[in-house]
Amino acid sequence: MGGAAPGDRVRTAEVIAALSLATDLGVGLPFEHGLQSTLVAVRLAERLGVDAGSSGVGWRSG
């Protein structure tokens, strides 16, 4: 009864992805719309040479 095994931990990104999918469905957007928008924002930031700290702001708000 000690706790979860190291492999059983849920990453923050997984929780955010699940919430994004639920939000898409809840507001009537196509499935994975929020995830696709975030991916576009991250790739655009990479092409523009935005540093990783600043691009994380876009990832969290996607």
PDB file of N, CA and C in Angstrom:
ATOM      1  N   MET A   1       0.809  -1.186   0.000  1.00  0.00           N
ATOM      2  CA  MET A   1       0.000   0.000   0.000  1.00  0.00           C
ATOM      3  C   MET A   1       0.858   1.258   0.000  1.00  0.00           C
ATOM      4  N   GLY A   2       2.080   1.159  -0.536  1.00  0.00           N
ATOM      5  CA  GLY A   2       3.032   2.246  -0.463  1.00  0.00           C
ATOM      6  C   GLY A   2       2.764   3.391  -1.415  1.00  0.00           C
ATOM      7  N   GLY A   3       2.110   3.174  -2.516  1.00  0.00           N
ATOM      8  CA  GLY A   3       1.880   4.241  -3.487  1.00  0.00           C
ATOM      9  C   GLY A   3       2.024   3.714  -4.902  1.00  0.00           C
ATOM     10  N   ALA A   4       1.962   4.607  -5.848  1.00  0.00           N
ATOM     11  CA  ALA A   4       2.025   4.231  -7.250  1.00  0.00           C
ATOM     12  C   ALA A   4       3.450   3.859  -7.638  1.00  0.00           C
ATOM     13  N   ALA A   5       3.567   2.883  -8.516  1.00  0.00           N
ATOM     14  CA  ALA A   5       4.861   2.501  -9.051  1.00  0.00           C
ATOM     15  C   ALA A   5       5.353   3.612  -9.975  1.00  0.00           C
ATOM     16  N   PRO A   6       6.671   3.770 -10.142  1.00  0.00           N
ATOM     17  CA  PRO A   6       7.199   4.853 -10.978  1.00  0.00           C
ATOM     18  C   PRO A   6       6.610   4.887 -12.384  1.00  0.00           C
ATOM     19  N   GLY A   7       6.317   3.747 -12.985  1.00  0.00           N
ATOM     20  CA  GLY A   7       5.750   3.699 -14.322  1.00  0.00           C
ATOM     21  C   GLY A   7       4.274   4.069 -14.376  1.00  0.00           C
ATOM     22  N   ASP A   8       3.630   4.181 -13.214  1.00  0.00           N
ATOM     23  CA  ASP A   8       2.193   4.477 -13.158  1.00  0.00           C
ATOM     24  C   ASP A   8       1.888   5.964 -13.029  1.00  0.00           C
ATOM     25  N   ARG A   9       2.898   6.798 -13.010  1.00  0.00           N
ATOM     26  CA  ARG A   9       2.678   8.235 -12.840  1.00  0.00           C
ATOM     27  C   ARG A   9       2.091   8.835 -14.114  1.00  0.00           C
ATOM     28  N   VAL A  10       1.225   9.799 -13.953  1.00  0.00           N
ATOM     29  CA  VAL A  10       0.608  10.487 -15.083  1.00  0.00           C
ATOM     30  C   VAL A  10       1.351  11.803 -15.292  1.00  0.00           C
ATOM     31  N   ARG A  11       1.792  12.032 -16.512  1.00  0.00           N
ATOM     32  CA  ARG A  11       2.513  13.266 -16.814  1.00  0.00           C
ATOM     33  C   ARG A  11       1.525  14.415 -17.014  1.00  0.00           C
ATOM     34  N   THR A  12       1.987  15.614 -16.734  1.00  0.00           N
ATOM     35  CA  THR A  12       1.164  16.811 -16.891  1.00  0.00           C
ATOM     36  C   THR A  12       0.660  16.935 -18.321  1.00  0.00           C
ATOM     37  N   ALA A  13       1.517  16.643 -19.292  1.00  0.00           N
ATOM     38  CA  ALA A  13       1.125  16.740 -20.702  1.00  0.00           C
ATOM     39  C   ALA A  13      -0.042  15.812 -21.029  1.00  0.00           C
ATOM     40  N   GLU A  14      -0.080  14.638 -20.405  1.00  0.00           N
ATOM     41  CA  GLU A  14      -1.174  13.699 -20.650  1.00  0.00           C
ATOM     42  C   GLU A  14      -2.490  14.225 -20.097  1.00  0.00           C
ATOM     43  N   VAL A  15      -2.429  14.860 -18.943  1.00  0.00           N
ATOM     44  CA  VAL A  15      -3.632  15.436 -18.344  1.00  0.00           C
ATOM     45  C   VAL A  15      -4.141  16.592 -19.205  1.00  0.00           C
ATOM     46  N   ILE A  16      -3.228  17.451 -19.651  1.00  0.00           N
ATOM     47  CA  ILE A  16      -3.618  18.582 -20.488  1.00  0.00           C
ATOM     48  C   ILE A  16      -4.214  18.096 -21.802  1.00  0.00           C
ATOM     49  N   ALA A  17      -3.626  17.055 -22.394  1.00  0.00           N
ATOM     50  CA  ALA A  17      -4.155  16.510 -23.651  1.00  0.00           C
ATOM     51  C   ALA A  17      -5.568  15.964 -23.448  1.00  0.00           C
ATOM     52  N   ALA A  18      -5.790  15.254 -22.354  1.00  0.00           N
ATOM     53  CA  ALA A  18      -7.122  14.715 -22.081  1.00  0.00           C
ATOM     54  C   ALA A  18      -8.142  15.835 -21.880  1.00  0.00           C
ATOM     55  N   LEU A  19      -7.757  16.880 -21.172  1.00  0.00           N
ATOM     56  CA  LEU A  19      -8.658  18.020 -20.972  1.00  0.00           C
ATOM     57  C   LEU A  19      -8.939  18.739 -22.289  1.00  0.00           C
ATOM     58  N   SER A  20      -7.927  18.821 -23.146  1.00  0.00           N
ATOM     59  CA  SER A  20      -8.103  19.454 -24.445  1.00  0.00           C
ATOM     60  C   SER A  20      -9.108  18.686 -25.296  1.00  0.00           C
ATOM     61  N   LEU A  21      -8.994  17.367 -25.300  1.00  0.00           N
ATOM     62  CA  LEU A  21      -9.938  16.538 -26.065  1.00  0.00           C
ATOM     63  C   LEU A  21     -11.356  16.684 -25.523  1.00  0.00           C
ATOM     64  N   ALA A  22     -11.484  16.684 -24.208  1.00  0.00           N
ATOM     65  CA  ALA A  22     -12.812  16.826 -23.600  1.00  0.00           C
ATOM     66  C   ALA A  22     -13.406  18.194 -23.906  1.00  0.00           C
ATOM     67  N   THR A  23     -12.572  19.229 -23.875  1.00  0.00           N
ATOM     68  CA  THR A  23     -13.049  20.576 -24.185  1.00  0.00           C
ATOM     69  C   THR A  23     -13.511  20.674 -25.631  1.00  0.00           C
ATOM     70  N   ASP A  24     -12.738  20.102 -26.550  1.00  0.00           N
ATOM     71  CA  ASP A  24     -13.128  20.099 -27.973  1.00  0.00           C
ATOM     72  C   ASP A  24     -14.516  19.493 -28.142  1.00  0.00           C
ATOM     73  N   LEU A  25     -14.720  18.351 -27.537  1.00  0.00           N
ATOM     74  CA  LEU A  25     -16.014  17.674 -27.660  1.00  0.00           C
ATOM     75  C   LEU A  25     -17.123  18.471 -26.985  1.00  0.00           C
ATOM     76  N   GLY A  26     -16.806  19.082 -25.850  1.00  0.00           N
ATOM     77  CA  GLY A  26     -17.805  19.823 -25.094  1.00  0.00           C
ATOM     78  C   GLY A  26     -18.304  21.085 -25.781  1.00  0.00           C
ATOM     79  N   VAL A  27     -17.441  21.728 -26.570  1.00  0.00           N
ATOM     80  CA  VAL A  27     -17.844  22.964 -27.230  1.00  0.00           C
ATOM     81  C   VAL A  27     -18.155  22.756 -28.712  1.00  0.00           C
ATOM     82  N   GLY A  28     -18.150  21.501 -29.143  1.00  0.00           N
ATOM     83  CA  GLY A  28     -18.562  21.185 -30.503  1.00  0.00           C
ATOM     84  C   GLY A  28     -17.492  21.361 -31.568  1.00  0.00           C
ATOM     85  N   LEU A  29     -16.229  21.412 -31.176  1.00  0.00           N
ATOM     86  CA  LEU A  29     -15.144  21.509 -32.156  1.00  0.00           C
ATOM     87  C   LEU A  29     -14.769  20.116 -32.634  1.00  0.00           C
ATOM     88  N   PRO A  30     -14.131  20.035 -33.801  1.00  0.00           N
ATOM     89  CA  PRO A  30     -13.669  18.729 -34.266  1.00  0.00           C
ATOM     90  C   PRO A  30     -12.690  18.119 -33.256  1.00  0.00           C
ATOM     91  N   PHE A  31     -12.714  16.802 -33.152  1.00  0.00           N
ATOM     92  CA  PHE A  31     -11.851  16.071 -32.234  1.00  0.00           C
ATOM     93  C   PHE A  31     -10.385  16.425 -32.514  1.00  0.00           C
ATOM     94  N   GLU A  32      -9.609  16.683 -31.489  1.00  0.00           N
ATOM     95  CA  GLU A  32      -8.192  17.031 -31.532  1.00  0.00           C
ATOM     96  C   GLU A  32      -7.913  18.417 -32.096  1.00  0.00           C
ATOM     97  N   HIS A  33      -8.900  19.281 -32.191  1.00  0.00           N
ATOM     98  CA  HIS A  33      -8.684  20.632 -32.695  1.00  0.00           C
ATOM     99  C   HIS A  33      -7.675  21.392 -31.834  1.00  0.00           C
ATOM    100  N   GLY A  34      -7.827  21.332 -30.540  1.00  0.00           N
ATOM    101  CA  GLY A  34      -6.917  22.027 -29.631  1.00  0.00           C
ATOM    102  C   GLY A  34      -5.501  21.489 -29.712  1.00  0.00           C
ATOM    103  N   LEU A  35      -5.364  20.164 -29.828  1.00  0.00           N
ATOM    104  CA  LEU A  35      -4.035  19.569 -29.937  1.00  0.00           C
ATOM    105  C   LEU A  35      -3.363  19.971 -31.241  1.00  0.00           C
ATOM    106  N   GLN A  36      -4.111  20.013 -32.324  1.00  0.00           N
ATOM    107  CA  GLN A  36      -3.553  20.421 -33.614  1.00  0.00           C
ATOM    108  C   GLN A  36      -3.138  21.888 -33.580  1.00  0.00           C
ATOM    109  N   SER A  37      -3.938  22.731 -32.962  1.00  0.00           N
ATOM    110  CA  SER A  37      -3.604  24.156 -32.849  1.00  0.00           C
ATOM    111  C   SER A  37      -2.317  24.342 -32.055  1.00  0.00           C
ATOM    112  N   THR A  38      -2.164  23.568 -30.995  1.00  0.00           N
ATOM    113  CA  THR A  38      -0.962  23.651 -30.181  1.00  0.00           C
ATOM    114  C   THR A  38       0.259  23.195 -30.967  1.00  0.00           C
ATOM    115  N   LEU A  39       0.121  22.122 -31.721  1.00  0.00           N
ATOM    116  CA  LEU A  39       1.221  21.614 -32.536  1.00  0.00           C
ATOM    117  C   LEU A  39       1.658  22.654 -33.566  1.00  0.00           C
ATOM    118  N   VAL A  40       0.710  23.312 -34.207  1.00  0.00           N
ATOM    119  CA  VAL A  40       1.030  24.364 -35.177  1.00  0.00           C
ATOM    120  C   VAL A  40       1.791  25.498 -34.486  1.00  0.00           C
ATOM    121  N   ALA A  41       1.331  25.907 -33.307  1.00  0.00           N
ATOM    122  CA  ALA A  41       1.984  26.991 -32.574  1.00  0.00           C
ATOM    123  C   ALA A  41       3.416  26.625 -32.188  1.00  0.00           C
ATOM    124  N   VAL A  42       3.629  25.400 -31.739  1.00  0.00           N
ATOM    125  CA  VAL A  42       4.970  24.962 -31.341  1.00  0.00           C
ATOM    126  C   VAL A  42       5.893  24.909 -32.549  1.00  0.00           C
ATOM    127  N   ARG A  43       5.406  24.365 -33.658  1.00  0.00           N
ATOM    128  CA  ARG A  43       6.243  24.292 -34.862  1.00  0.00           C
ATOM    129  C   ARG A  43       6.567  25.676 -35.410  1.00  0.00           C
ATOM    130  N   LEU A  44       5.619  26.583 -35.345  1.00  0.00           N
ATOM    131  CA  LEU A  44       5.863  27.956 -35.790  1.00  0.00           C
ATOM    132  C   LEU A  44       6.928  28.612 -34.914  1.00  0.00           C
ATOM    133  N   ALA A  45       6.834  28.411 -33.616  1.00  0.00           N
ATOM    134  CA  ALA A  45       7.823  28.970 -32.697  1.00  0.00           C
ATOM    135  C   ALA A  45       9.219  28.416 -33.000  1.00  0.00           C
ATOM    136  N   GLU A  46       9.301  27.112 -33.297  1.00  0.00           N
ATOM    137  CA  GLU A  46      10.593  26.513 -33.640  1.00  0.00           C
ATOM    138  C   GLU A  46      11.180  27.156 -34.895  1.00  0.00           C
ATOM    139  N   ARG A  47      10.350  27.345 -35.911  1.00  0.00           N
ATOM    140  CA  ARG A  47      10.826  27.950 -37.164  1.00  0.00           C
ATOM    141  C   ARG A  47      11.252  29.391 -36.980  1.00  0.00           C
ATOM    142  N   LEU A  48      10.605  30.101 -36.066  1.00  0.00           N
ATOM    143  CA  LEU A  48      10.953  31.489 -35.803  1.00  0.00           C
ATOM    144  C   LEU A  48      12.143  31.627 -34.862  1.00  0.00           C
ATOM    145  N   GLY A  49      12.612  30.511 -34.320  1.00  0.00           N
ATOM    146  CA  GLY A  49      13.766  30.539 -33.430  1.00  0.00           C
ATOM    147  C   GLY A  49      13.456  31.010 -32.024  1.00  0.00           C
ATOM    148  N   VAL A  50      12.224  30.846 -31.601  1.00  0.00           N
ATOM    149  CA  VAL A  50      11.831  31.247 -30.247  1.00  0.00           C
ATOM    150  C   VAL A  50      12.468  30.288 -29.252  1.00  0.00           C
ATOM    151  N   ASP A  51      13.036  30.830 -28.162  1.00  0.00           N
ATOM    152  CA  ASP A  51      13.690  29.963 -27.184  1.00  0.00           C
ATOM    153  C   ASP A  51      12.664  29.067 -26.476  1.00  0.00           C
ATOM    154  N   ALA A  52      13.156  27.971 -25.929  1.00  0.00           N
ATOM    155  CA  ALA A  52      12.280  26.951 -25.337  1.00  0.00           C
ATOM    156  C   ALA A  52      11.442  27.503 -24.185  1.00  0.00           C
ATOM    157  N   GLY A  53      11.982  28.392 -23.376  1.00  0.00           N
ATOM    158  CA  GLY A  53      11.224  28.958 -22.260  1.00  0.00           C
ATOM    159  C   GLY A  53      10.032  29.770 -22.725  1.00  0.00           C
ATOM    160  N   SER A  54      10.225  30.552 -23.762  1.00  0.00           N
ATOM    161  CA  SER A  54       9.132  31.371 -24.286  1.00  0.00           C
ATOM    162  C   SER A  54       8.117  30.527 -25.045  1.00  0.00           C
ATOM    163  N   SER A  55       8.585  29.513 -25.767  1.00  0.00           N
ATOM    164  CA  SER A  55       7.652  28.693 -26.536  1.00  0.00           C
ATOM    165  C   SER A  55       6.781  27.846 -25.617  1.00  0.00           C
ATOM    166  N   GLY A  56       7.242  27.566 -24.419  1.00  0.00           N
ATOM    167  CA  GLY A  56       6.429  26.831 -23.451  1.00  0.00           C
ATOM    168  C   GLY A  56       5.185  27.578 -23.057  1.00  0.00           C
ATOM    169  N   VAL A  57       5.239  28.894 -23.119  1.00  0.00           N
ATOM    170  CA  VAL A  57       4.076  29.711 -22.809  1.00  0.00           C
ATOM    171  C   VAL A  57       2.971  29.415 -23.816  1.00  0.00           C
ATOM    172  N   GLY A  58       3.301  29.278 -25.085  1.00  0.00           N
ATOM    173  CA  GLY A  58       2.319  28.961 -26.118  1.00  0.00           C
ATOM    174  C   GLY A  58       1.773  27.559 -25.972  1.00  0.00           C
ATOM    175  N   TRP A  59       2.621  26.649 -25.552  1.00  0.00           N
ATOM    176  CA  TRP A  59       2.180  25.270 -25.375  1.00  0.00           C
ATOM    177  C   TRP A  59       1.141  25.181 -24.274  1.00  0.00           C
ATOM    178  N   ARG A  60       1.348  25.900 -23.188  1.00  0.00           N
ATOM    179  CA  ARG A  60       0.406  25.855 -22.066  1.00  0.00           C
ATOM    180  C   ARG A  60      -0.891  26.566 -22.380  1.00  0.00           C
ATOM    181  N   SER A  61      -0.873  27.508 -23.307  1.00  0.00           N
ATOM    182  CA  SER A  61      -2.108  28.239 -23.609  1.00  0.00           C
ATOM    183  C   SER A  61      -2.813  27.703 -24.828  1.00  0.00           C
ATOM    184  N   GLY A  62      -2.221  26.679 -25.504  1.00  0.00           N
ATOM    185  CA  GLY A  62      -2.807  26.113 -26.714  1.00  0.00           C
ATOM    186  C   GLY A  62      -3.991  25.362 -26.408  1.00  0.00           C
TER     187      GLY A  62
END
